Amino acid sequence: MAPPRVVAVIPARYGSTRFPGKPLALIAGKPMVEHVWRRCQESRAFLDVLVATDDDRIREVVERFGGRAVMTSPHCATGTDRVAEVARSRPEVDAWINVQGDEPLLDPQALQLLAGLFSNPQVEMGTLVRPLEAAEVPNPNVVKAVLAMNGDALYFSRAALPFIREAGHEGSVRRWAHIGLYGYRRDTLLRLATLPPTPLEEAEKLEQLRALEHGIRIRCGQVQWNTVAVDVPEDVARVEAVMRERGL
C-alpha cells in the first residue's frame, strides 16, 4: 500500500483580538509564521506545506521567505474552515494537517507522528497528547484527554478527568494533556466543516468535541513534547528564551 499523501496547512489571520498581526511578529529576527513553516519542512512528513490566509500582508511575507500562501475567504470562522477551503480544490490529497500558526517551537518529530497516523486506513482524524503534569490537573486552560485502549479519544475536557474515586488508584491511570494539532482524512475534514456547533463543544469551548459528538473517531499520538505557544505579545520573549536554551 502506498503511503498517504499528506499536506500541512498553517492557518494565518492578521486580526487576532489579543495579538493583532501575530503571524508576522518577529521572533529571533524572523516572522513567527516562518518559524512554523520551517518546522513543518524539517519534519519531511508532508507532500506540501501551505499557509492559508485572507491577508495580503501575510501572503507577501510568506512568499518572501520562499513559502507558498493560499488565499482563503475572510469569512472562515475557524482554522478548520480555512483548511477545508484549501482541501476542496485538492482531491488528490489523502489527509490534511492543521498546524497552529502560533507554535514556533513545534517538534518536527511530533509532526511526523501525527502525519504517520494516517498510514492506518481506519484513522479518520488524529491529534497529539502528552503526559499531564500534576500541577496542571486543576488548570482549566490545560485540556485533558481521556483515551481508549487503542489510543482513540473518549473525551476531551477542561475538568480534572478522569476522576479518581478511591485513594491508591492514582498511579493506575495515565493522565494526558491535549496538544491542539489536528489531522483529518479529506472526506472527514469536508464533512466536519459542514457540521454545526454541538452542545458539549459549546459548553466546554472545545472544537474537537464536535467531531466526537458526531461519531468521528480521533486517534491520539502520544508524545513527550510540551508546547510553548504565542498567545499574547509577552509570549515572544518566553519563546526566544527557550530558543536560546535549546541553541536554536
Protein backbone atom coordinates (compact mmCIF):
# COMPACT_ATOMS: atom_id res chain seq x y z
CA MET A 1 0.00 0.00 0.00
CA ALA A 2 1.34 3.43 -0.97
CA PRO A 3 1.94 5.87 1.91
CA PRO A 4 -0.78 8.50 2.31
CA ARG A 5 -0.34 11.85 0.61
CA VAL A 6 -0.39 14.36 3.47
CA VAL A 7 -0.35 18.16 3.21
CA ALA A 8 0.18 20.60 6.08
CA VAL A 9 -1.77 23.86 6.22
CA ILE A 10 -0.89 26.72 8.56
CA PRO A 11 -3.98 28.94 9.00
CA ALA A 12 -2.81 32.53 9.50
CA ARG A 13 -5.08 35.51 10.03
CA TYR A 14 -3.96 39.04 10.77
CA GLY A 15 -6.82 40.16 13.00
CA SER A 16 -6.15 38.32 16.27
CA THR A 17 -8.07 40.02 19.11
CA ARG A 18 -5.32 39.61 21.72
CA PHE A 19 -2.37 39.99 19.33
CA PRO A 20 -3.11 41.75 16.00
CA GLY A 21 -0.66 40.77 13.28
CA LYS A 22 0.53 37.78 15.30
CA PRO A 23 1.74 35.64 12.35
CA LEU A 24 4.17 38.44 11.41
CA ALA A 25 5.52 39.02 14.95
CA LEU A 26 9.30 38.82 14.87
CA ILE A 27 10.85 36.02 16.90
CA ALA A 28 14.67 35.93 16.84
CA GLY A 29 14.52 38.17 13.78
CA LYS A 30 12.08 36.09 11.71
CA PRO A 31 8.28 36.27 11.45
CA MET A 32 6.53 33.63 13.54
CA VAL A 33 4.82 32.07 10.52
CA GLU A 34 8.26 31.39 9.03
CA HIS A 35 9.36 29.51 12.14
CA VAL A 36 6.23 27.32 11.96
CA TRP A 37 6.69 26.73 8.22
CA ARG A 38 10.33 25.72 8.73
CA ARG A 39 9.42 23.23 11.47
CA CYS A 40 6.95 21.64 9.05
CA GLN A 41 9.61 21.45 6.34
CA GLU A 42 12.12 19.91 8.77
CA SER A 43 9.68 17.10 9.56
CA ARG A 44 9.84 15.83 5.95
CA ALA A 45 6.36 14.44 6.58
CA PHE A 46 4.41 16.43 4.01
CA LEU A 47 3.84 16.48 0.29
CA ASP A 48 3.40 20.24 0.59
CA VAL A 49 3.30 22.94 3.30
CA LEU A 50 0.87 25.81 2.71
CA VAL A 51 -0.03 28.97 4.61
CA ALA A 52 -3.76 29.72 4.35
CA THR A 53 -4.56 33.39 4.87
CA ASP A 54 -7.01 36.13 3.93
CA ASP A 55 -4.46 38.94 4.26
CA ASP A 56 -2.07 40.17 1.55
CA ARG A 57 0.48 41.30 4.14
CA ILE A 58 0.88 37.71 5.34
CA ARG A 59 0.92 36.36 1.78
CA GLU A 60 3.72 38.75 0.81
CA VAL A 61 5.87 37.79 3.79
CA VAL A 62 5.36 34.06 3.17
CA GLU A 63 6.36 34.39 -0.48
CA ARG A 64 9.39 36.47 0.50
CA PHE A 65 10.87 33.69 2.65
CA GLY A 66 10.14 31.07 -0.02
CA GLY A 67 6.88 29.61 1.25
CA ARG A 68 3.60 29.20 -0.58
CA ALA A 69 0.49 31.05 0.54
CA VAL A 70 -3.10 30.25 -0.45
CA MET A 71 -5.71 33.00 -0.19
CA THR A 72 -8.89 31.92 1.60
CA SER A 73 -12.18 33.61 2.47
CA PRO A 74 -12.21 36.24 5.25
CA HIS A 75 -15.44 34.62 6.42
CA CYS A 76 -13.78 31.41 7.66
CA ALA A 77 -14.82 31.12 11.32
CA THR A 78 -12.08 28.68 12.38
CA GLY A 79 -8.76 27.29 11.27
CA THR A 80 -10.57 24.07 10.37
CA ASP A 81 -12.80 26.01 7.95
CA ARG A 82 -9.72 27.56 6.36
CA VAL A 83 -8.04 24.17 5.90
CA ALA A 84 -11.26 22.72 4.48
CA GLU A 85 -11.47 25.52 1.92
CA VAL A 86 -7.99 24.61 0.68
CA ALA A 87 -8.79 20.87 0.71
CA ARG A 88 -11.84 21.24 -1.52
CA SER A 89 -9.64 22.05 -4.51
CA ARG A 90 -7.12 19.22 -3.86
CA PRO A 91 -8.95 15.87 -4.21
CA GLU A 92 -5.65 14.03 -4.78
CA VAL A 93 -4.53 14.65 -1.16
CA ASP A 94 -5.41 11.86 1.29
CA ALA A 95 -5.02 13.70 4.59
CA TRP A 96 -4.62 17.26 5.84
CA ILE A 97 -2.77 18.50 8.93
CA ASN A 98 -3.97 21.71 10.59
CA VAL A 99 -0.80 23.24 12.05
CA GLN A 100 -1.35 26.02 14.59
CA GLY A 101 0.40 29.17 13.41
CA ASP A 102 1.31 30.27 16.94
CA GLU A 103 3.61 27.30 17.66
CA PRO A 104 7.12 28.41 16.58
CA LEU A 105 8.73 25.65 18.70
CA LEU A 106 6.91 22.78 17.02
CA ASP A 107 8.71 19.45 17.27
CA PRO A 108 9.28 18.06 13.73
CA GLN A 109 9.16 14.51 15.13
CA ALA A 110 5.73 15.19 16.62
CA LEU A 111 4.56 16.32 13.18
CA GLN A 112 5.97 13.10 11.71
CA LEU A 113 4.00 11.07 14.24
CA LEU A 114 0.77 12.95 13.53
CA ALA A 115 1.11 12.54 9.76
CA GLY A 116 2.06 8.90 10.21
CA LEU A 117 -1.23 8.10 11.97
CA PHE A 118 -2.88 8.15 8.54
CA SER A 119 -0.87 5.15 7.39
CA ASN A 120 -3.62 3.26 9.21
CA PRO A 121 -6.66 3.38 6.87
CA GLN A 122 -9.03 3.16 9.85
CA VAL A 123 -7.89 6.55 11.24
CA GLU A 124 -10.42 9.27 10.36
CA MET A 125 -8.92 12.09 12.41
CA GLY A 126 -5.79 12.46 14.51
CA THR A 127 -4.29 14.68 17.18
CA LEU A 128 -1.50 14.62 19.79
CA VAL A 129 -1.37 14.22 23.56
CA ARG A 130 1.43 14.44 26.14
CA PRO A 131 1.71 13.35 29.79
CA LEU A 132 -0.26 15.67 32.07
CA GLU A 133 1.78 17.23 34.86
CA ALA A 134 0.35 17.08 38.38
CA ALA A 135 0.25 20.86 38.70
CA GLU A 136 -1.88 21.07 35.53
CA VAL A 137 -4.71 18.84 36.76
CA PRO A 138 -6.86 21.68 38.20
CA ASN A 139 -6.00 24.16 35.42
CA PRO A 140 -8.95 24.55 33.01
CA ASN A 141 -6.67 26.09 30.38
CA VAL A 142 -4.87 22.75 30.02
CA VAL A 143 -7.24 20.45 28.16
CA LYS A 144 -7.31 16.85 29.39
CA ALA A 145 -7.70 13.87 27.08
CA VAL A 146 -9.18 10.53 28.13
CA LEU A 147 -8.11 7.69 25.83
CA ALA A 148 -9.41 4.26 24.89
CA MET A 149 -7.07 1.27 24.93
CA ASN A 150 -6.41 1.65 21.18
CA GLY A 151 -5.46 5.34 21.53
CA ASP A 152 -8.75 6.80 20.33
CA ALA A 153 -10.09 9.76 22.29
CA LEU A 154 -13.01 9.01 24.57
CA TYR A 155 -13.39 12.65 25.66
CA PHE A 156 -11.62 15.98 26.00
CA SER A 157 -12.36 18.28 28.92
CA ARG A 158 -11.17 21.29 30.87
CA ALA A 159 -12.17 19.40 34.03
CA ALA A 160 -9.78 17.19 36.00
CA LEU A 161 -10.61 13.93 34.22
CA PRO A 162 -10.53 11.08 34.90
CA PHE A 163 -11.88 11.37 38.44
CA ILE A 164 -10.11 9.04 40.89
CA ARG A 165 -12.77 7.88 43.37
CA GLU A 166 -10.63 5.79 45.72
CA ALA A 167 -7.19 6.59 47.09
CA GLY A 168 -4.42 4.36 45.88
CA HIS A 169 -5.55 4.20 42.26
CA GLU A 170 -3.82 7.38 41.10
CA GLY A 171 -0.87 5.50 39.61
CA SER A 172 -3.03 3.06 37.65
CA VAL A 173 -4.46 5.69 35.29
CA ARG A 174 -2.37 7.67 32.84
CA ARG A 175 -3.41 11.30 32.53
CA TRP A 176 -2.95 13.10 29.23
CA ALA A 177 -2.88 16.74 28.15
CA HIS A 178 -4.10 17.61 24.68
CA ILE A 179 -1.88 19.34 22.12
CA GLY A 180 -4.04 21.28 19.66
CA LEU A 181 -2.73 19.97 16.33
CA TYR A 182 -5.19 18.08 14.14
CA GLY A 183 -5.10 15.83 11.11
CA TYR A 184 -8.05 14.71 9.01
CA ARG A 185 -8.88 12.41 6.13
CA ARG A 186 -10.06 14.67 3.34
CA ASP A 187 -13.67 13.43 3.44
CA THR A 188 -13.74 13.69 7.24
CA LEU A 189 -12.44 17.27 7.08
CA LEU A 190 -15.02 18.33 4.50
CA ARG A 191 -17.82 16.71 6.49
CA LEU A 192 -16.67 18.31 9.74
CA ALA A 193 -16.62 21.77 8.15
CA THR A 194 -20.36 21.45 7.37
CA LEU A 195 -21.44 20.40 10.87
CA PRO A 196 -22.97 22.95 13.26
CA PRO A 197 -21.59 23.50 16.78
CA THR A 198 -22.70 20.85 19.28
CA PRO A 199 -23.83 21.09 22.93
CA LEU A 200 -20.66 19.68 24.51
CA GLU A 201 -18.48 21.78 22.23
CA GLU A 202 -20.27 24.94 23.27
CA ALA A 203 -20.26 24.00 26.97
CA GLU A 204 -16.51 23.26 27.12
CA LYS A 205 -15.49 25.63 24.29
CA LEU A 206 -13.53 22.78 22.67
CA GLU A 207 -13.97 22.44 18.92
CA GLN A 208 -12.77 18.82 18.82
CA LEU A 209 -15.86 17.72 20.77
CA ARG A 210 -17.93 18.46 17.67
CA ALA A 211 -16.20 15.55 15.95
CA LEU A 212 -16.75 13.17 18.87
CA GLU A 213 -20.41 14.16 19.24
CA HIS A 214 -20.96 13.28 15.59
CA GLY A 215 -19.26 9.90 15.94
CA ILE A 216 -15.95 10.81 14.29
CA ARG A 217 -13.14 8.87 15.95
CA ILE A 218 -9.96 10.77 16.88
CA ARG A 219 -6.74 8.76 17.16
CA CYS A 220 -4.24 10.29 19.62
CA GLY A 221 -0.50 10.10 19.05
CA GLN A 222 1.47 10.15 22.30
CA VAL A 223 4.50 12.47 22.54
CA GLN A 224 6.75 13.87 25.25
CA TRP A 225 6.98 17.33 23.63
CA ASN A 226 5.44 20.22 25.56
CA THR A 227 4.23 23.21 23.60
CA VAL A 228 5.20 26.86 24.10
CA ALA A 229 2.56 28.82 22.20
CA VAL A 230 2.41 32.55 21.47
CA ASP A 231 -0.97 33.90 22.59
CA VAL A 232 -0.05 37.47 23.62
CA PRO A 233 2.92 39.76 22.84
CA GLU A 234 4.59 38.89 26.15
CA ASP A 235 4.97 35.27 24.99
CA VAL A 236 7.50 36.27 22.33
CA ALA A 237 10.21 36.77 24.97
CA ARG A 238 9.37 33.39 26.53
CA VAL A 239 9.80 31.63 23.18
CA GLU A 240 13.07 33.43 22.45
CA ALA A 241 14.39 32.38 25.87
CA VAL A 242 13.56 28.73 25.11
CA MET A 243 15.26 29.05 21.72
CA ARG A 244 18.42 30.29 23.41
CA GLU A 245 18.30 27.42 25.91
CA ARG A 246 17.97 24.88 23.08
CA GLY A 247 20.59 26.55 20.92
CA LEU A 248 18.13 27.23 18.09
